[in-house]
């Protein structure tokens, strides 16, 4: 791997999560193949995924077990049918 890439990667990994999110967004947008709406959507999801991952890893995310999540979804669906 080229040393410039190694340097950039090392520096990027030292950034706080919020700045890494912005960097991810900018890099993905730079790969745009001409379909701005699709690239924008993909970039936004990449930023959201990075944000959520950072929250889980830092312990700040409020996690819900699958049974509770399923109960919430079914309750909401039942309320919507009424």
Protein backbone atom coordinates (compact mmCIF):
# COMPACT_ATOMS: atom_id res chain seq x y z
CA UNK A 1 0.00 0.00 0.00
CA UNK A 2 1.42 3.41 -0.91
CA UNK A 3 2.81 5.39 1.99
CA UNK A 4 0.59 8.40 1.23
CA UNK A 5 -2.48 6.19 1.57
CA UNK A 6 -1.15 4.78 4.84
CA UNK A 7 -0.51 8.30 6.14
CA UNK A 8 -3.97 9.51 5.16
CA UNK A 9 -5.62 6.42 6.64
CA UNK A 10 -3.72 6.83 9.93
CA UNK A 11 -4.62 10.50 10.16
CA UNK A 12 -8.28 9.82 9.30
CA UNK A 13 -8.56 7.17 12.01
CA UNK A 14 -7.33 9.70 14.56
CA UNK A 15 -10.24 12.05 13.78
CA UNK A 16 -13.24 12.16 16.10
CA UNK A 17 -16.25 10.18 14.80
CA UNK A 18 -18.16 13.28 13.64
CA UNK A 19 -15.25 14.40 11.48
CA UNK A 20 -14.78 10.89 10.10
CA UNK A 21 -18.46 10.95 9.12
CA UNK A 22 -17.91 14.13 7.13
CA UNK A 23 -14.82 12.64 5.50
CA UNK A 24 -16.76 9.49 4.54
CA UNK A 25 -19.48 11.64 3.00
CA UNK A 26 -17.00 13.73 1.02
CA UNK A 27 -15.15 10.66 -0.24
CA UNK A 28 -18.34 8.93 -1.34
CA UNK A 29 -19.61 12.03 -3.10
CA UNK A 30 -16.26 12.24 -4.91
CA UNK A 31 -16.98 8.80 -6.39
CA UNK A 32 -20.22 10.07 -7.93
CA UNK A 33 -20.79 8.45 -11.31
CA UNK A 34 -23.15 11.15 -12.51
CA UNK A 35 -26.33 10.06 -10.72
CA UNK A 36 -26.34 12.71 -8.00
CA UNK A 37 -29.48 11.51 -6.28
CA UNK A 38 -28.21 7.94 -5.88
CA UNK A 39 -24.74 9.07 -4.80
CA UNK A 40 -26.26 11.49 -2.30
CA UNK A 41 -28.49 8.81 -0.85
CA UNK A 42 -25.63 6.33 -0.59
CA UNK A 43 -23.41 8.95 1.02
CA UNK A 44 -26.10 9.88 3.51
CA UNK A 45 -26.59 6.23 4.47
CA UNK A 46 -22.84 5.74 4.83
CA UNK A 47 -22.68 8.70 7.20
CA UNK A 48 -25.66 7.39 9.18
CA UNK A 49 -24.16 3.92 9.43
CA UNK A 50 -20.84 5.37 10.59
CA UNK A 51 -22.64 7.52 13.18
CA UNK A 52 -24.63 4.61 14.54
CA UNK A 53 -21.58 2.36 14.62
CA UNK A 54 -19.60 5.00 16.51
CA UNK A 55 -22.44 5.32 19.05
CA UNK A 56 -22.54 1.55 19.61
CA UNK A 57 -18.76 1.32 19.97
CA UNK A 58 -18.60 4.29 22.34
CA UNK A 59 -21.43 2.93 24.47
CA UNK A 60 -23.71 5.95 23.96
CA UNK A 61 -26.33 4.13 21.85
CA UNK A 62 -29.47 2.88 23.57
CA UNK A 63 -29.68 -0.72 22.41
CA UNK A 64 -32.92 -2.70 22.38
CA UNK A 65 -33.03 -6.50 22.28
CA UNK A 66 -34.78 -8.17 19.37
CA UNK A 67 -37.84 -9.32 21.35
CA UNK A 68 -38.52 -5.79 22.58
CA UNK A 69 -37.97 -4.33 19.10
CA UNK A 70 -40.36 -6.86 17.57
CA UNK A 71 -42.97 -6.11 20.25
CA UNK A 72 -42.70 -2.39 19.45
CA UNK A 73 -43.06 -2.98 15.71
CA UNK A 74 -46.07 -5.28 16.16
CA UNK A 75 -47.72 -2.83 18.58
CA UNK A 76 -47.25 0.04 16.14
CA UNK A 77 -48.61 -2.07 13.29
CA UNK A 78 -51.66 -3.08 15.34
CA UNK A 79 -52.32 0.53 16.32
CA UNK A 80 -52.15 1.54 12.66
CA UNK A 81 -54.79 -1.01 11.72
CA UNK A 82 -57.34 0.35 14.17
